[in-house]
């Protein structure tokens, strides 16, 4: 199975994720391993090494789309993960600077 991931951000109080703020990731081709965050998990996602502004938030929804249309000899799973904008001060409470 081949996996692709999209991470999107939704602002508090909004009904739909913001357009243009999407990070697309692919599976680890060397190991084939991938970690998928659960609903409620807090995550930071960087598209490129050194990005100064990663997408950050709490996982609100996960949508799994299965297909074999792109690669007929290999099944694919595209996972769209929507991150809700975190409440103020959450990162300071979740991590330690010590």
PDB file of N, CA and C in Angstrom:
ATOM      1  N   UNK A   1       0.849  -1.178   0.000  1.00  0.00           N
ATOM      2  CA  UNK A   1       0.000   0.000   0.000  1.00  0.00           C
ATOM      3  C   UNK A   1       0.889   1.235   0.000  1.00  0.00           C
ATOM      4  N   UNK A   2       0.610   2.185  -0.860  1.00  0.00           N
ATOM      5  CA  UNK A   2       1.327   3.452  -0.917  1.00  0.00           C
ATOM      6  C   UNK A   2       0.490   4.506  -0.194  1.00  0.00           C
ATOM      7  N   UNK A   3       1.137   5.309   0.665  1.00  0.00           N
ATOM      8  CA  UNK A   3       0.435   6.307   1.457  1.00  0.00           C
ATOM      9  C   UNK A   3       0.884   7.715   1.088  1.00  0.00           C
ATOM     10  N   UNK A   4      -0.065   8.650   1.055  1.00  0.00           N
ATOM     11  CA  UNK A   4       0.233  10.079   0.960  1.00  0.00           C
ATOM     12  C   UNK A   4      -0.589  10.776   2.038  1.00  0.00           C
ATOM     13  N   UNK A   5      -0.084  11.911   2.493  1.00  0.00           N
ATOM     14  CA  UNK A   5      -0.727  12.641   3.590  1.00  0.00           C
ATOM     15  C   UNK A   5      -0.843  14.117   3.228  1.00  0.00           C
ATOM     16  N   UNK A   6      -1.965  14.703   3.524  1.00  0.00           N
ATOM     17  CA  UNK A   6      -2.132  16.154   3.458  1.00  0.00           C
ATOM     18  C   UNK A   6      -2.489  16.632   4.857  1.00  0.00           C
ATOM     19  N   UNK A   7      -1.820  17.673   5.298  1.00  0.00           N
ATOM     20  CA  UNK A   7      -2.164  18.334   6.553  1.00  0.00           C
ATOM     21  C   UNK A   7      -2.710  19.703   6.208  1.00  0.00           C
ATOM     22  N   UNK A   8      -3.882  20.042   6.758  1.00  0.00           N
ATOM     23  CA  UNK A   8      -4.490  21.344   6.547  1.00  0.00           C
ATOM     24  C   UNK A   8      -4.796  21.967   7.900  1.00  0.00           C
ATOM     25  N   UNK A   9      -4.930  23.297   7.925  1.00  0.00           N
ATOM     26  CA  UNK A   9      -5.248  24.000   9.168  1.00  0.00           C
ATOM     27  C   UNK A   9      -6.643  24.608   9.055  1.00  0.00           C
ATOM     28  N   UNK A  10      -7.395  24.518  10.142  1.00  0.00           N
ATOM     29  CA  UNK A  10      -8.697  25.184  10.215  1.00  0.00           C
ATOM     30  C   UNK A  10      -8.640  26.148  11.400  1.00  0.00           C
ATOM     31  N   UNK A  11      -8.999  27.385  11.162  1.00  0.00           N
ATOM     32  CA  UNK A  11      -8.982  28.396  12.222  1.00  0.00           C
ATOM     33  C   UNK A  11     -10.164  28.171  13.163  1.00  0.00           C
ATOM     34  N   UNK A  12      -9.996  28.531  14.409  1.00  0.00           N
ATOM     35  CA  UNK A  12     -11.074  28.373  15.396  1.00  0.00           C
ATOM     36  C   UNK A  12     -12.318  29.122  14.926  1.00  0.00           C
ATOM     37  N   UNK A  13     -13.466  28.446  15.013  1.00  0.00           N
ATOM     38  CA  UNK A  13     -14.734  29.050  14.635  1.00  0.00           C
ATOM     39  C   UNK A  13     -15.075  28.954  13.155  1.00  0.00           C
ATOM     40  N   UNK A  14     -14.132  28.501  12.330  1.00  0.00           N
ATOM     41  CA  UNK A  14     -14.379  28.373  10.892  1.00  0.00           C
ATOM     42  C   UNK A  14     -14.982  27.000  10.590  1.00  0.00           C
ATOM     43  N   UNK A  15     -15.697  26.926   9.464  1.00  0.00           N
ATOM     44  CA  UNK A  15     -16.347  25.675   9.078  1.00  0.00           C
ATOM     45  C   UNK A  15     -15.469  24.811   8.178  1.00  0.00           C
ATOM     46  N   UNK A  16     -14.536  25.432   7.457  1.00  0.00           N
ATOM     47  CA  UNK A  16     -13.710  24.688   6.498  1.00  0.00           C
ATOM     48  C   UNK A  16     -12.236  25.051   6.669  1.00  0.00           C
ATOM     49  N   UNK A  17     -11.342  24.137   6.297  1.00  0.00           N
ATOM     50  CA  UNK A  17      -9.904  24.442   6.358  1.00  0.00           C
ATOM     51  C   UNK A  17      -9.546  25.590   5.412  1.00  0.00           C
ATOM     52  N   UNK A  18      -8.447  26.261   5.729  1.00  0.00           N
ATOM     53  CA  UNK A  18      -7.974  27.376   4.915  1.00  0.00           C
ATOM     54  C   UNK A  18      -7.379  26.869   3.613  1.00  0.00           C
ATOM     55  N   UNK A  19      -7.651  27.559   2.528  1.00  0.00           N
ATOM     56  CA  UNK A  19      -7.052  27.207   1.243  1.00  0.00           C
ATOM     57  C   UNK A  19      -5.613  27.709   1.222  1.00  0.00           C
ATOM     58  N   UNK A  20      -4.758  26.945   0.591  1.00  0.00           N
ATOM     59  CA  UNK A  20      -3.378  27.376   0.427  1.00  0.00           C
ATOM     60  C   UNK A  20      -2.448  26.996   1.564  1.00  0.00           C
ATOM     61  N   UNK A  21      -2.985  26.634   2.711  1.00  0.00           N
ATOM     62  CA  UNK A  21      -2.136  26.237   3.842  1.00  0.00           C
ATOM     63  C   UNK A  21      -2.199  24.727   3.997  1.00  0.00           C
ATOM     64  N   UNK A  22      -1.530  24.027   3.087  1.00  0.00           N
ATOM     65  CA  UNK A  22      -1.520  22.567   3.083  1.00  0.00           C
ATOM     66  C   UNK A  22      -0.091  22.074   3.008  1.00  0.00           C
ATOM     67  N   UNK A  23       0.240  21.073   3.792  1.00  0.00           N
ATOM     68  CA  UNK A  23       1.540  20.409   3.712  1.00  0.00           C
ATOM     69  C   UNK A  23       1.279  19.001   3.222  1.00  0.00           C
ATOM     70  N   UNK A  24       1.951  18.621   2.128  1.00  0.00           N
ATOM     71  CA  UNK A  24       1.790  17.283   1.575  1.00  0.00           C
ATOM     72  C   UNK A  24       3.034  16.466   1.881  1.00  0.00           C
ATOM     73  N   UNK A  25       2.837  15.281   2.444  1.00  0.00           N
ATOM     74  CA  UNK A  25       3.938  14.380   2.786  1.00  0.00           C
ATOM     75  C   UNK A  25       3.711  13.032   2.109  1.00  0.00           C
ATOM     76  N   UNK A  26       4.784  12.310   1.884  1.00  0.00           N
ATOM     77  CA  UNK A  26       4.703  10.972   1.305  1.00  0.00           C
ATOM     78  C   UNK A  26       5.269   9.974   2.314  1.00  0.00           C
ATOM     79  N   UNK A  27       4.957   8.698   2.075  1.00  0.00           N
ATOM     80  CA  UNK A  27       5.467   7.664   2.977  1.00  0.00           C
ATOM     81  C   UNK A  27       6.989   7.614   2.940  1.00  0.00           C
ATOM     82  N   UNK A  28       7.574   7.051   3.978  1.00  0.00           N
ATOM     83  CA  UNK A  28       9.014   6.844   4.028  1.00  0.00           C
ATOM     84  C   UNK A  28       9.334   5.677   3.101  1.00  0.00           C
ATOM     85  N   UNK A  29       9.952   5.964   1.966  1.00  0.00           N
ATOM     86  CA  UNK A  29      10.179   4.937   0.955  1.00  0.00           C
ATOM     87  C   UNK A  29      11.238   3.909   1.365  1.00  0.00           C
ATOM     88  N   UNK A  30      12.112   4.255   2.303  1.00  0.00           N
ATOM     89  CA  UNK A  30      13.146   3.310   2.729  1.00  0.00           C
ATOM     90  C   UNK A  30      12.580   2.265   3.689  1.00  0.00           C
ATOM     91  N   UNK A  31      11.804   2.696   4.661  1.00  0.00           N
ATOM     92  CA  UNK A  31      11.307   1.765   5.667  1.00  0.00           C
ATOM     93  C   UNK A  31       9.841   1.402   5.468  1.00  0.00           C
ATOM     94  N   UNK A  32       9.093   2.243   4.756  1.00  0.00           N
ATOM     95  CA  UNK A  32       7.671   1.991   4.572  1.00  0.00           C
ATOM     96  C   UNK A  32       6.856   2.264   5.819  1.00  0.00           C
ATOM     97  N   UNK A  33       7.475   2.828   6.846  1.00  0.00           N
ATOM     98  CA  UNK A  33       6.774   3.090   8.100  1.00  0.00           C
ATOM     99  C   UNK A  33       6.227   4.506   8.117  1.00  0.00           C
ATOM    100  N   UNK A  34       5.103   4.678   8.771  1.00  0.00           N
ATOM    101  CA  UNK A  34       4.491   5.991   8.901  1.00  0.00           C
ATOM    102  C   UNK A  34       3.705   6.025  10.206  1.00  0.00           C
ATOM    103  N   UNK A  35       3.734   7.156  10.841  1.00  0.00           N
ATOM    104  CA  UNK A  35       2.960   7.365  12.057  1.00  0.00           C
ATOM    105  C   UNK A  35       1.827   8.320  11.721  1.00  0.00           C
ATOM    106  N   UNK A  36       0.621   7.941  12.070  1.00  0.00           N
ATOM    107  CA  UNK A  36      -0.541   8.767  11.790  1.00  0.00           C
ATOM    108  C   UNK A  36      -1.085   9.258  13.127  1.00  0.00           C
ATOM    109  N   UNK A  37      -1.122  10.578  13.335  1.00  0.00           N
ATOM    110  CA  UNK A  37      -1.611  11.077  14.617  1.00  0.00           C
ATOM    111  C   UNK A  37      -3.113  10.811  14.786  1.00  0.00           C
ATOM    112  N   UNK A  38      -3.519  10.585  16.018  1.00  0.00           N
ATOM    113  CA  UNK A  38      -4.929  10.363  16.350  1.00  0.00           C
ATOM    114  C   UNK A  38      -5.660  11.683  16.501  1.00  0.00           C
ATOM    115  N   UNK A  39      -6.977  11.643  16.380  1.00  0.00           N
ATOM    116  CA  UNK A  39      -7.796  12.817  16.663  1.00  0.00           C
ATOM    117  C   UNK A  39      -7.513  13.219  18.112  1.00  0.00           C
ATOM    118  N   UNK A  40      -7.255  14.497  18.317  1.00  0.00           N
ATOM    119  CA  UNK A  40      -6.936  15.015  19.650  1.00  0.00           C
ATOM    120  C   UNK A  40      -5.455  15.216  19.886  1.00  0.00           C
ATOM    121  N   UNK A  41      -4.596  14.592  19.077  1.00  0.00           N
ATOM    122  CA  UNK A  41      -3.151  14.779  19.219  1.00  0.00           C
ATOM    123  C   UNK A  41      -2.732  16.165  18.752  1.00  0.00           C
ATOM    124  N   UNK A  42      -1.733  16.737  19.404  1.00  0.00           N
ATOM    125  CA  UNK A  42      -1.137  17.998  18.964  1.00  0.00           C
ATOM    126  C   UNK A  42       0.061  17.682  18.086  1.00  0.00           C
ATOM    127  N   UNK A  43       0.178  18.345  16.950  1.00  0.00           N
ATOM    128  CA  UNK A  43       1.290  18.090  16.034  1.00  0.00           C
ATOM    129  C   UNK A  43       1.825  19.387  15.447  1.00  0.00           C
ATOM    130  N   UNK A  44       3.083  19.325  15.035  1.00  0.00           N
ATOM    131  CA  UNK A  44       3.727  20.373  14.243  1.00  0.00           C
ATOM    132  C   UNK A  44       4.246  19.688  12.991  1.00  0.00           C
ATOM    133  N   UNK A  45       3.932  20.246  11.820  1.00  0.00           N
ATOM    134  CA  UNK A  45       4.309  19.633  10.558  1.00  0.00           C
ATOM    135  C   UNK A  45       5.115  20.630   9.743  1.00  0.00           C
ATOM    136  N   UNK A  46       6.345  20.226   9.375  1.00  0.00           N
ATOM    137  CA  UNK A  46       7.196  21.043   8.523  1.00  0.00           C
ATOM    138  C   UNK A  46       7.325  20.355   7.171  1.00  0.00           C
ATOM    139  N   UNK A  47       7.170  21.136   6.107  1.00  0.00           N
ATOM    140  CA  UNK A  47       7.300  20.555   4.779  1.00  0.00           C
ATOM    141  C   UNK A  47       8.761  20.449   4.366  1.00  0.00           C
ATOM    142  N   UNK A  48       9.552  21.458   4.707  1.00  0.00           N
ATOM    143  CA  UNK A  48      10.963  21.493   4.334  1.00  0.00           C
ATOM    144  C   UNK A  48      11.806  21.716   5.577  1.00  0.00           C
ATOM    145  N   UNK A  49      12.983  21.105   5.605  1.00  0.00           N
ATOM    146  CA  UNK A  49      13.893  21.303   6.728  1.00  0.00           C
ATOM    147  C   UNK A  49      14.217  22.793   6.844  1.00  0.00           C
ATOM    148  N   UNK A  50      14.106  23.327   8.028  1.00  0.00           N
ATOM    149  CA  UNK A  50      14.413  24.729   8.246  1.00  0.00           C
ATOM    150  C   UNK A  50      13.234  25.667   8.099  1.00  0.00           C
ATOM    151  N   UNK A  51      12.040  25.131   7.791  1.00  0.00           N
ATOM    152  CA  UNK A  51      10.858  25.999   7.721  1.00  0.00           C
ATOM    153  C   UNK A  51      10.708  26.732   9.043  1.00  0.00           C
ATOM    154  N   UNK A  52      10.466  28.027   8.970  1.00  0.00           N
ATOM    155  CA  UNK A  52      10.324  28.806  10.186  1.00  0.00           C
ATOM    156  C   UNK A  52       8.896  28.831  10.699  1.00  0.00           C
ATOM    157  N   UNK A  53       7.929  28.471   9.852  1.00  0.00           N
ATOM    158  CA  UNK A  53       6.532  28.501  10.275  1.00  0.00           C
ATOM    159  C   UNK A  53       5.830  27.195   9.901  1.00  0.00           C
ATOM    160  N   UNK A  54       5.977  26.161  10.732  1.00  0.00           N
ATOM    161  CA  UNK A  54       5.292  24.898  10.435  1.00  0.00           C
ATOM    162  C   UNK A  54       3.794  25.022  10.709  1.00  0.00           C
ATOM    163  N   UNK A  55       3.006  24.100  10.166  1.00  0.00           N
ATOM    164  CA  UNK A  55       1.591  24.027  10.542  1.00  0.00           C
ATOM    165  C   UNK A  55       1.543  23.402  11.929  1.00  0.00           C
ATOM    166  N   UNK A  56       0.809  24.008  12.821  1.00  0.00           N
ATOM    167  CA  UNK A  56       0.703  23.492  14.179  1.00  0.00           C
ATOM    168  C   UNK A  56      -0.763  23.441  14.575  1.00  0.00           C
ATOM    169  N   UNK A  57      -1.131  22.430  15.318  1.00  0.00           N
ATOM    170  CA  UNK A  57      -2.505  22.353  15.784  1.00  0.00           C
ATOM    171  C   UNK A  57      -2.846  21.011  16.381  1.00  0.00           C
ATOM    172  N   UNK A  58      -4.110  20.880  16.699  1.00  0.00           N
ATOM    173  CA  UNK A  58      -4.656  19.645  17.275  1.00  0.00           C
ATOM    174  C   UNK A  58      -5.453  18.941  16.190  1.00  0.00           C
ATOM    175  N   UNK A  59      -5.237  17.642  16.024  1.00  0.00           N
ATOM    176  CA  UNK A  59      -5.913  16.890  14.976  1.00  0.00           C
ATOM    177  C   UNK A  59      -7.422  16.897  15.241  1.00  0.00           C
ATOM    178  N   UNK A  60      -8.159  17.457  14.268  1.00  0.00           N
ATOM    179  CA  UNK A  60      -9.614  17.540  14.375  1.00  0.00           C
ATOM    180  C   UNK A  60     -10.279  16.384  13.632  1.00  0.00           C
ATOM    181  N   UNK A  61      -9.825  16.124  12.399  1.00  0.00           N
ATOM    182  CA  UNK A  61     -10.401  15.031  11.614  1.00  0.00           C
ATOM    183  C   UNK A  61      -9.328  14.352  10.795  1.00  0.00           C
ATOM    184  N   UNK A  62      -9.615  13.088  10.419  1.00  0.00           N
ATOM    185  CA  UNK A  62      -8.764  12.320   9.510  1.00  0.00           C
ATOM    186  C   UNK A  62      -9.685  11.658   8.491  1.00  0.00           C
ATOM    187  N   UNK A  63      -9.378  11.844   7.212  1.00  0.00           N
ATOM    188  CA  UNK A  63     -10.167  11.229   6.141  1.00  0.00           C
ATOM    189  C   UNK A  63      -9.261  10.295   5.361  1.00  0.00           C
ATOM    190  N   UNK A  64      -9.636   9.020   5.264  1.00  0.00           N
ATOM    191  CA  UNK A  64      -8.860   8.012   4.549  1.00  0.00           C
ATOM    192  C   UNK A  64      -9.551   7.722   3.215  1.00  0.00           C
ATOM    193  N   UNK A  65      -8.836   7.921   2.114  1.00  0.00           N
ATOM    194  CA  UNK A  65      -9.369   7.647   0.782  1.00  0.00           C
ATOM    195  C   UNK A  65      -8.522   6.537   0.153  1.00  0.00           C
ATOM    196  N   UNK A  66      -9.147   5.398  -0.129  1.00  0.00           N
ATOM    197  CA  UNK A  66      -8.453   4.249  -0.707  1.00  0.00           C
ATOM    198  C   UNK A  66      -8.743   4.153  -2.189  1.00  0.00           C
ATOM    199  N   UNK A  67      -7.724   3.761  -2.970  1.00  0.00           N
ATOM    200  CA  UNK A  67      -7.898   3.677  -4.419  1.00  0.00           C
ATOM    201  C   UNK A  67      -6.821   2.796  -5.031  1.00  0.00           C
ATOM    202  N   UNK A  68      -7.086   2.321  -6.216  1.00  0.00           N
ATOM    203  CA  UNK A  68      -6.044   1.699  -7.023  1.00  0.00           C
ATOM    204  C   UNK A  68      -6.044   2.326  -8.420  1.00  0.00           C
ATOM    205  N   UNK A  69      -6.680   3.490  -8.554  1.00  0.00           N
ATOM    206  CA  UNK A  69      -6.798   4.166  -9.848  1.00  0.00           C
ATOM    207  C   UNK A  69      -5.477   4.756 -10.328  1.00  0.00           C
ATOM    208  N   UNK A  70      -4.650   5.255  -9.423  1.00  0.00           N
ATOM    209  CA  UNK A  70      -3.389   5.889  -9.818  1.00  0.00           C
ATOM    210  C   UNK A  70      -2.353   4.826 -10.176  1.00  0.00           C
ATOM    211  N   UNK A  71      -2.226   3.826  -9.346  1.00  0.00           N
ATOM    212  CA  UNK A  71      -1.283   2.731  -9.566  1.00  0.00           C
ATOM    213  C   UNK A  71      -2.082   1.430  -9.602  1.00  0.00           C
ATOM    214  N   UNK A  72      -2.526   0.966 -10.780  1.00  0.00           N
ATOM    215  CA  UNK A  72      -3.385  -0.227 -10.852  1.00  0.00           C
ATOM    216  C   UNK A  72      -2.792  -1.475 -10.193  1.00  0.00           C
ATOM    217  N   UNK A  73      -1.466  -1.585 -10.156  1.00  0.00           N
ATOM    218  CA  UNK A  73      -0.846  -2.759  -9.542  1.00  0.00           C
ATOM    219  C   UNK A  73      -0.516  -2.533  -8.065  1.00  0.00           C
ATOM    220  N   UNK A  74      -0.882  -1.374  -7.539  1.00  0.00           N
ATOM    221  CA  UNK A  74      -0.562  -1.064  -6.139  1.00  0.00           C
ATOM    222  C   UNK A  74      -1.667  -0.204  -5.536  1.00  0.00           C
ATOM    223  N   UNK A  75      -2.221  -0.645  -4.429  1.00  0.00           N
ATOM    224  CA  UNK A  75      -3.259   0.133  -3.756  1.00  0.00           C
ATOM    225  C   UNK A  75      -2.660   1.370  -3.118  1.00  0.00           C
ATOM    226  N   UNK A  76      -3.448   2.440  -3.060  1.00  0.00           N
ATOM    227  CA  UNK A  76      -2.992   3.673  -2.433  1.00  0.00           C
ATOM    228  C   UNK A  76      -3.991   4.109  -1.366  1.00  0.00           C
ATOM    229  N   UNK A  77      -3.482   4.838  -0.400  1.00  0.00           N
ATOM    230  CA  UNK A  77      -4.320   5.422   0.641  1.00  0.00           C
ATOM    231  C   UNK A  77      -3.877   6.865   0.825  1.00  0.00           C
ATOM    232  N   UNK A  78      -4.781   7.788   0.561  1.00  0.00           N
ATOM    233  CA  UNK A  78      -4.498   9.204   0.778  1.00  0.00           C
ATOM    234  C   UNK A  78      -5.206   9.600   2.071  1.00  0.00           C
ATOM    235  N   UNK A  79      -4.450  10.201   2.983  1.00  0.00           N
ATOM    236  CA  UNK A  79      -5.002  10.576   4.284  1.00  0.00           C
ATOM    237  C   UNK A  79      -4.962  12.092   4.405  1.00  0.00           C
ATOM    238  N   UNK A  80      -6.143  12.697   4.566  1.00  0.00           N
ATOM    239  CA  UNK A  80      -6.233  14.146   4.756  1.00  0.00           C
ATOM    240  C   UNK A  80      -6.464  14.405   6.242  1.00  0.00           C
ATOM    241  N   UNK A  81      -5.529  15.111   6.858  1.00  0.00           N
ATOM    242  CA  UNK A  81      -5.586  15.397   8.293  1.00  0.00           C
ATOM    243  C   UNK A  81      -5.806  16.891   8.480  1.00  0.00           C
ATOM    244  N   UNK A  82      -6.888  17.234   9.183  1.00  0.00           N
ATOM    245  CA  UNK A  82      -7.205  18.638   9.442  1.00  0.00           C
ATOM    246  C   UNK A  82      -6.787  18.967  10.863  1.00  0.00           C
ATOM    247  N   UNK A  83      -5.956  20.000  10.987  1.00  0.00           N
ATOM    248  CA  UNK A  83      -5.489  20.476  12.292  1.00  0.00           C
ATOM    249  C   UNK A  83      -6.278  21.711  12.683  1.00  0.00           C
ATOM    250  N   UNK A  84      -6.819  21.694  13.886  1.00  0.00           N
ATOM    251  CA  UNK A  84      -7.509  22.876  14.401  1.00  0.00           C
ATOM    252  C   UNK A  84      -6.484  23.795  15.052  1.00  0.00           C
ATOM    253  N   UNK A  85      -6.615  25.072  14.765  1.00  0.00           N
ATOM    254  CA  UNK A  85      -5.719  26.067  15.354  1.00  0.00           C
ATOM    255  C   UNK A  85      -5.705  25.889  16.876  1.00  0.00           C
ATOM    256  N   UNK A  86      -4.520  25.783  17.484  1.00  0.00           N
ATOM    257  CA  UNK A  86      -4.457  25.531  18.929  1.00  0.00           C
ATOM    258  C   UNK A  86      -4.814  26.762  19.755  1.00  0.00           C
ATOM    259  N   UNK A  87      -5.248  26.504  20.974  1.00  0.00           N
ATOM    260  CA  UNK A  87      -5.533  27.606  21.882  1.00  0.00           C
ATOM    261  C   UNK A  87      -4.228  28.278  22.299  1.00  0.00           C
ATOM    262  N   UNK A  88      -4.312  29.505  22.725  1.00  0.00           N
ATOM    263  CA  UNK A  88      -3.126  30.282  23.098  1.00  0.00           C
ATOM    264  C   UNK A  88      -2.374  29.595  24.237  1.00  0.00           C
ATOM    265  N   UNK A  89      -1.061  29.552  24.127  1.00  0.00           N
ATOM    266  CA  UNK A  89      -0.208  29.037  25.180  1.00  0.00           C
ATOM    267  C   UNK A  89      -0.091  27.526  25.260  1.00  0.00           C
ATOM    268  N   UNK A  90      -0.702  26.806  24.325  1.00  0.00           N
ATOM    269  CA  UNK A  90      -0.692  25.343  24.426  1.00  0.00           C
ATOM    270  C   UNK A  90       0.715  24.771  24.268  1.00  0.00           C
ATOM    271  N   UNK A  91       1.535  25.325  23.381  1.00  0.00           N
ATOM    272  CA  UNK A  91       2.869  24.759  23.156  1.00  0.00           C
ATOM    273  C   UNK A  91       3.755  24.920  24.387  1.00  0.00           C
ATOM    274  N   UNK A  92       3.583  25.998  25.120  1.00  0.00           N
ATOM    275  CA  UNK A  92       4.363  26.188  26.335  1.00  0.00           C
ATOM    276  C   UNK A  92       3.967  25.160  27.402  1.00  0.00           C
ATOM    277  N   UNK A  93       2.678  24.770  27.421  1.00  0.00           N
ATOM    278  CA  UNK A  93       2.219  23.778  28.395  1.00  0.00           C
ATOM    279  C   UNK A  93       2.620  22.369  28.015  1.00  0.00           C
ATOM    280  N   UNK A  94       2.785  22.110  26.711  1.00  0.00           N
ATOM    281  CA  UNK A  94       3.070  20.748  26.251  1.00  0.00           C
ATOM    282  C   UNK A  94       4.551  20.390  26.232  1.00  0.00           C
ATOM    283  N   UNK A  95       5.411  21.394  26.159  1.00  0.00           N
ATOM    284  CA  UNK A  95       6.848  21.091  26.087  1.00  0.00           C
ATOM    285  C   UNK A  95       7.598  21.846  27.162  1.00  0.00           C
ATOM    286  N   UNK A  96       8.768  21.335  27.457  1.00  0.00           N
ATOM    287  CA  UNK A  96       9.605  21.949  28.485  1.00  0.00           C
ATOM    288  C   UNK A  96      10.854  22.520  27.851  1.00  0.00           C
ATOM    289  N   UNK A  97      11.266  23.677  28.298  1.00  0.00           N
ATOM    290  CA  UNK A  97      12.498  24.279  27.779  1.00  0.00           C
ATOM    291  C   UNK A  97      13.692  23.873  28.604  1.00  0.00           C
ATOM    292  N   UNK A  98      13.485  23.074  29.639  1.00  0.00           N
ATOM    293  CA  UNK A  98      14.582  22.634  30.520  1.00  0.00           C
ATOM    294  C   UNK A  98      15.343  21.484  29.906  1.00  0.00           C
TER     295      UNK A  98
END
